[in-house]
Protein backbone atom coordinates (compact mmCIF):
# COMPACT_ATOMS: atom_id res chain seq x y z
CA MET A 1 0.05 -0.23 0.10
CA LYS A 2 1.39 3.47 -0.75
CA TYR A 3 1.42 5.43 1.77
CA TYR A 4 1.64 9.28 2.17
CA ASP A 5 3.08 11.22 4.71
CA VAL A 6 1.53 14.02 6.95
CA ALA A 7 2.70 16.83 5.15
CA GLU A 8 1.13 15.68 1.76
CA ALA A 9 -1.92 14.59 3.37
CA LYS A 10 -2.43 18.23 4.96
CA ALA A 11 -2.95 19.67 1.09
CA MET A 12 -5.50 17.17 -0.11
CA LYS A 13 -9.27 16.63 0.12
CA GLY A 14 -11.55 14.21 1.06
CA LEU A 15 -11.20 11.54 3.15
CA ARG A 16 -7.17 10.80 4.93
CA LEU A 17 -7.45 7.88 6.69
CA VAL A 18 -4.30 7.54 9.39
CA LEU A 19 -2.64 3.62 9.53
CA THR A 20 0.03 2.61 11.21
CA ALA A 21 2.26 1.50 7.74
CA TYR A 22 3.19 -1.89 7.17
CA VAL A 23 1.58 -3.60 9.78
CA PRO A 24 -2.32 -5.00 9.78
CA GLY A 25 -3.39 -3.51 13.06
CA PRO A 26 -7.01 -4.62 13.61
CA TRP A 27 -8.39 -1.24 14.34
CA GLY A 28 -6.60 0.00 11.22
CA GLU A 29 -7.56 -3.14 8.92
CA SER A 30 -11.39 -2.73 10.80
CA ALA A 31 -11.43 0.81 9.31
CA LYS A 32 -10.32 -0.19 6.10
CA LYS A 33 -12.68 -2.73 5.69
CA ILE A 34 -15.74 -0.58 6.43
CA LEU A 35 -14.83 1.83 4.25
CA ASP A 36 -14.26 -0.79 1.14
CA TYR A 37 -17.41 -2.58 2.42
CA LYS A 38 -19.36 1.32 1.83
CA HIS A 39 -16.69 2.02 -1.29
CA ILE A 40 -15.80 5.00 0.02
CA PRO A 41 -12.12 5.90 -0.73
CA TYR A 42 -9.80 6.88 1.28
CA ILE A 43 -6.20 8.41 1.06
CA PRO A 44 -3.87 6.24 3.37
CA VAL A 45 -1.47 8.69 5.76
CA ALA A 46 1.42 6.92 7.51
CA GLN A 47 1.91 6.53 11.46
CA HIS A 48 4.78 4.91 12.34
CA ALA A 49 4.62 2.19 15.34
CA GLY A 50 6.97 3.61 18.31
CA LYS A 51 7.76 6.89 17.07
CA GLU A 52 6.65 10.39 18.69
CA ASN A 53 5.03 11.24 15.23
CA GLU A 54 5.08 14.91 16.11
CA GLU A 55 4.09 16.30 12.55
CA LEU A 56 0.90 13.96 13.17
CA VAL A 57 0.03 14.99 16.03
CA ALA A 58 0.61 18.98 15.36
CA TRP A 59 -2.21 18.01 12.72
CA THR A 60 -4.80 15.38 14.34
CA GLY A 61 -4.04 16.00 18.27
CA VAL A 62 -2.98 12.24 18.59
CA ARG A 63 0.20 9.94 17.84
CA ASN A 64 -2.22 6.70 17.22
CA ALA A 65 -3.95 5.15 14.39
CA PRO A 66 -6.22 5.17 12.99
CA ASN A 67 -7.43 8.41 12.15
CA ALA A 68 -10.02 9.70 9.58
CA MET A 69 -9.62 13.18 8.98
CA TYR A 70 -12.51 14.20 6.12
CA GLU A 71 -12.36 17.45 4.48
CA ASP A 72 -11.95 19.88 7.02
CA GLU A 73 -13.98 18.38 9.98
CA GLY A 74 -12.06 17.30 13.44
CA PRO A 75 -10.32 14.01 13.63
CA LYS A 76 -12.32 11.05 14.29
CA THR A 77 -9.83 8.62 16.25
CA GLY A 78 -12.19 6.17 17.79
CA TRP A 79 -13.38 2.86 16.08
CA TYR A 80 -17.57 4.42 16.74
CA ASP A 81 -16.23 7.37 15.31
CA ILE A 82 -14.88 6.03 11.96
CA LEU A 83 -18.04 3.61 11.86
CA MET A 84 -20.55 6.41 12.18
CA LEU A 85 -18.45 8.53 9.74
CA GLY A 86 -18.68 5.67 6.95
CA GLU A 87 -22.81 5.60 7.45
CA ARG A 88 -22.82 9.25 6.83
CA LEU A 89 -20.86 9.71 3.66
CA ALA A 90 -22.16 6.08 2.49
CA PRO A 91 -25.99 5.43 4.02
CA ASP A 92 -27.24 3.14 1.23
CA ARG A 93 -24.11 0.56 2.08
CA PRO A 94 -25.44 0.69 5.92
CA LEU A 95 -23.65 -1.18 8.56
CA LEU A 96 -26.20 -0.74 11.21
CA PRO A 97 -29.88 -1.93 11.54
CA THR A 98 -32.37 1.07 11.52
CA ARG A 99 -34.09 -0.95 14.23
CA SER A 100 -33.71 0.36 17.91
CA GLU A 101 -33.21 -2.86 19.73
CA GLU A 102 -30.73 -4.99 16.39
CA ARG A 103 -28.78 -1.42 16.34
CA ALA A 104 -28.26 -1.53 19.99
CA LEU A 105 -27.01 -5.32 20.04
CA VAL A 106 -24.83 -4.96 16.63
CA LEU A 107 -22.96 -1.71 18.54
CA GLY A 108 -22.45 -3.66 21.75
CA ILE A 109 -21.18 -6.66 19.75
CA CYS A 110 -18.69 -4.69 18.40
CA THR A 111 -17.96 -2.81 21.92
CA GLU A 112 -17.20 -6.11 23.21
CA ILE A 113 -14.99 -6.83 20.15
CA CYS A 114 -13.41 -3.56 20.04
CA GLY A 115 -14.02 -1.26 22.50
CA GLU A 116 -11.50 -0.61 25.91
CA TRP A 117 -11.36 -4.20 27.75
CA GLY A 118 -13.39 -5.87 24.34
CA PHE A 119 -11.18 -8.65 22.69
CA GLY A 120 -8.67 -6.68 20.59
CA TRP A 121 -8.15 -4.37 23.87
CA ALA A 122 -7.26 -7.88 26.25
CA ARG A 123 -5.59 -9.78 23.70
CA ARG A 124 -3.31 -6.76 23.58
CA VAL A 125 -2.42 -6.69 27.12
CA MET A 126 -2.05 -10.40 27.12
CA MET A 127 0.85 -10.07 24.33
CA GLY A 128 4.24 -10.60 26.15
CA THR A 129 2.61 -11.50 29.45
CA PRO A 130 2.84 -15.23 30.75
CA TYR A 131 -0.16 -15.21 30.29
CA ALA A 132 -0.06 -15.90 26.65
CA GLY A 133 1.56 -19.23 26.78
CA PRO A 134 5.52 -20.19 26.64
CA VAL A 135 7.98 -18.51 24.17
CA ASP A 136 9.04 -20.80 21.52
CA PRO A 137 12.79 -19.72 22.12
CA VAL A 138 14.08 -21.62 18.52
CA ARG A 139 11.16 -19.28 16.72
CA ALA A 140 11.94 -16.05 18.83
CA ALA A 141 15.93 -16.56 18.01
CA SER A 142 15.00 -16.54 14.16
CA LEU A 143 13.02 -13.38 13.68
CA SER A 144 14.36 -9.95 12.75
CA LYS A 145 12.64 -8.08 15.67
CA PRO A 146 11.78 -9.35 19.00
CA PHE A 147 8.23 -10.46 19.47
CA PHE A 148 5.78 -8.03 21.26
CA GLY A 149 7.13 -8.28 24.42
CA PRO A 150 7.10 -6.65 27.88
CA ASP A 151 8.62 -3.46 26.43
CA ASP A 152 6.05 -2.90 24.08
CA SER A 153 3.78 -3.95 26.56
CA ALA A 154 4.84 -1.44 28.59
CA ARG A 155 4.64 1.41 25.92
CA MET A 156 0.86 0.46 24.90
CA ARG A 157 -0.25 1.22 28.36
CA LYS A 158 1.74 4.66 28.15
CA SER A 159 -0.03 5.14 24.50
CA TYR A 160 -3.63 3.85 24.82
CA GLY A 161 -4.19 4.39 28.84
CA ALA A 162 -4.61 2.07 31.92
CA SER A 163 -8.09 -0.22 31.39
CA VAL A 164 -10.25 -1.85 33.90
CA GLY A 165 -8.22 -5.11 33.84
CA GLY A 166 -4.81 -6.47 33.81
CA ALA A 167 -2.55 -9.10 32.17
CA ALA A 168 -3.77 -11.83 34.83
CA ASP A 169 -8.05 -11.03 33.55
CA ALA A 170 -7.54 -10.40 30.17
CA PRO A 171 -7.72 -14.30 29.03
CA GLY A 172 -10.43 -14.98 30.83
CA ARG A 173 -12.07 -11.83 29.72
CA CYS A 174 -11.19 -12.55 25.95
CA ALA A 175 -12.36 -16.44 26.74
CA ASP A 176 -15.91 -14.65 27.89
CA ILE A 177 -16.11 -12.90 24.65
CA VAL A 178 -14.67 -15.27 22.36
CA ARG A 179 -17.68 -17.50 23.95
CA MET A 180 -20.51 -15.23 23.62
CA LEU A 181 -19.66 -14.61 20.06
CA ALA A 182 -19.55 -18.65 19.24
CA ALA A 183 -23.00 -18.92 20.80
CA ARG A 184 -24.44 -16.06 18.89
CA LEU A 185 -23.36 -17.81 15.47
CA HIS A 186 -24.52 -21.14 16.25
CA ARG A 187 -28.19 -19.58 17.08
CA GLN A 188 -27.89 -17.18 14.34
CA LYS A 189 -26.86 -20.51 12.18
CA ALA A 190 -29.95 -22.54 13.19
CA GLU A 191 -31.84 -20.10 12.63
CA GLY A 192 -30.66 -19.77 8.30
CA SER A 193 -28.04 -16.80 8.92
CA SER A 194 -24.68 -16.54 8.61
CA TYR A 195 -23.92 -12.87 10.43
CA LEU A 196 -24.16 -12.14 14.06
CA VAL A 197 -27.39 -9.79 13.72
CA GLY A 198 -29.67 -10.39 11.40
CA TYR A 199 -29.61 -11.63 7.99
CA THR A 200 -27.26 -9.27 6.01
CA PRO A 201 -23.99 -8.17 7.23
CA THR A 202 -23.23 -5.56 9.67
CA ALA A 203 -20.55 -3.87 11.41
CA ALA A 204 -20.25 -6.41 14.05
CA ASP A 205 -19.35 -9.21 11.22
CA ILE A 206 -16.70 -6.65 9.74
CA TYR A 207 -15.19 -6.22 13.36
CA TRP A 208 -14.79 -10.07 14.10
CA MET A 209 -13.92 -10.56 10.66
CA VAL A 210 -10.94 -8.53 11.47
CA PHE A 211 -10.17 -9.17 15.18
CA SER A 212 -10.29 -12.94 14.61
CA MET A 213 -6.61 -12.38 13.42
CA ALA A 214 -6.02 -12.23 17.02
CA LEU A 215 -7.40 -15.87 17.71
CA GLU A 216 -6.11 -17.49 14.36
CA PRO A 217 -4.17 -15.35 12.11
CA LEU A 218 -5.12 -15.70 8.58
CA PRO A 219 -2.18 -18.04 6.34
CA HIS A 220 0.83 -16.00 5.49
CA GLU A 221 -0.33 -16.57 1.89
CA VAL A 222 -2.89 -14.19 2.60
CA ASN A 223 -1.64 -11.65 5.39
CA PRO A 224 2.25 -11.40 4.93
CA MET A 225 2.24 -9.96 8.74
CA PRO A 226 5.76 -9.94 10.44
CA ASP A 227 7.05 -12.81 11.63
CA TRP A 228 7.45 -11.13 15.18
CA MET A 229 3.47 -10.18 15.01
CA ARG A 230 1.98 -13.05 14.01
CA MET A 231 4.07 -15.27 16.87
CA SER A 232 2.40 -12.90 19.38
CA TYR A 233 -0.83 -13.05 17.77
CA ASP A 234 -0.21 -17.20 17.75
CA MET A 235 0.51 -17.08 21.48
CA ILE A 236 -3.28 -17.32 22.30
CA GLY A 237 -3.01 -19.67 25.60
CA PRO A 238 -4.63 -21.90 27.12
CA VAL A 239 -7.68 -20.79 28.29
CA LEU A 240 -8.35 -18.81 25.09
CA ALA A 241 -7.26 -22.41 23.19
CA GLY A 242 -9.84 -24.07 25.54
CA VAL A 243 -13.20 -21.92 23.94
CA LYS A 244 -11.60 -21.77 20.34
CA ASP A 245 -14.91 -22.88 18.50
CA PRO A 246 -14.37 -23.64 14.59
CA ILE A 247 -17.72 -21.23 14.04
CA LEU A 248 -15.69 -18.47 14.92
CA ILE A 249 -12.75 -19.26 11.75
CA GLU A 250 -15.70 -20.18 9.47
CA HIS A 251 -17.60 -16.65 10.03
CA ARG A 252 -14.24 -14.98 9.29
CA ASP A 253 -13.52 -17.13 6.24
CA MET A 254 -17.58 -16.45 4.88
CA MET A 255 -16.87 -12.88 5.26
CA TYR A 256 -13.71 -12.49 3.21
CA ALA A 257 -15.39 -14.53 0.93
CA ARG A 258 -18.12 -12.84 0.46
CA HIS A 259 -17.67 -8.99 1.52
CA SER A 260 -13.95 -8.67 1.56
CA LYS A 261 -10.83 -9.64 -0.63
CA LEU A 262 -7.73 -11.25 0.15
CA PRO A 263 -4.74 -10.72 0.16
CA LEU A 264 -4.37 -7.91 2.92
CA GLU A 265 -2.58 -5.20 1.51
CA PHE A 266 -1.30 -2.88 4.66
């Protein structure tokens, strides 16, 4: 993917989407997949992981990604704000139901996947901790960059702030969310639906399609993520492994086959 730097992007019109360059971060990939589903064009802008990103902070007020800048509007920095921007720009391809009860259900599931102390957040807390399982020393030694370790975890906490839970609680939190998602998919399947809510894709399906990578990454052929990142994602630990239902990955594969495209481009 071709990325523009901040100086170039500031002079452009339309939708500028700030993404962590060259890695498939789940929040950034979700933003891309939502915009792609809605056929909304955007200009990729590079944010550099682990760097201060001073120019980005001066422009948007934040150093993290994803971050959407549309025309002269203020920055949209959270998953909900980016989703709602997409709903406004392309209402003809909705990802939220119109009925309040179903809409609340979809947004609740989205929050459990990608909100604070949701699946993605708790999995990120697990990375580089004993709760994610033992490190394979042979595999770790072969990496060009160390896998996601304690220093990365400390930097993450500084960047994203504290959460209600810690590393010891994260596996159980992830497992509870995974059980909920699997149970919903089984109930929906019994009613003739492949989706988490209703009979058409919603934002919840797209978020799980992407965040399921933290349960089982797509193979290298279609997701050439850095080796250090794949190793961190592979280490799900025994608690999460114990609730890993095949229907969760079947849903992911169905979503990419019907509503997205592979290989990933980042």
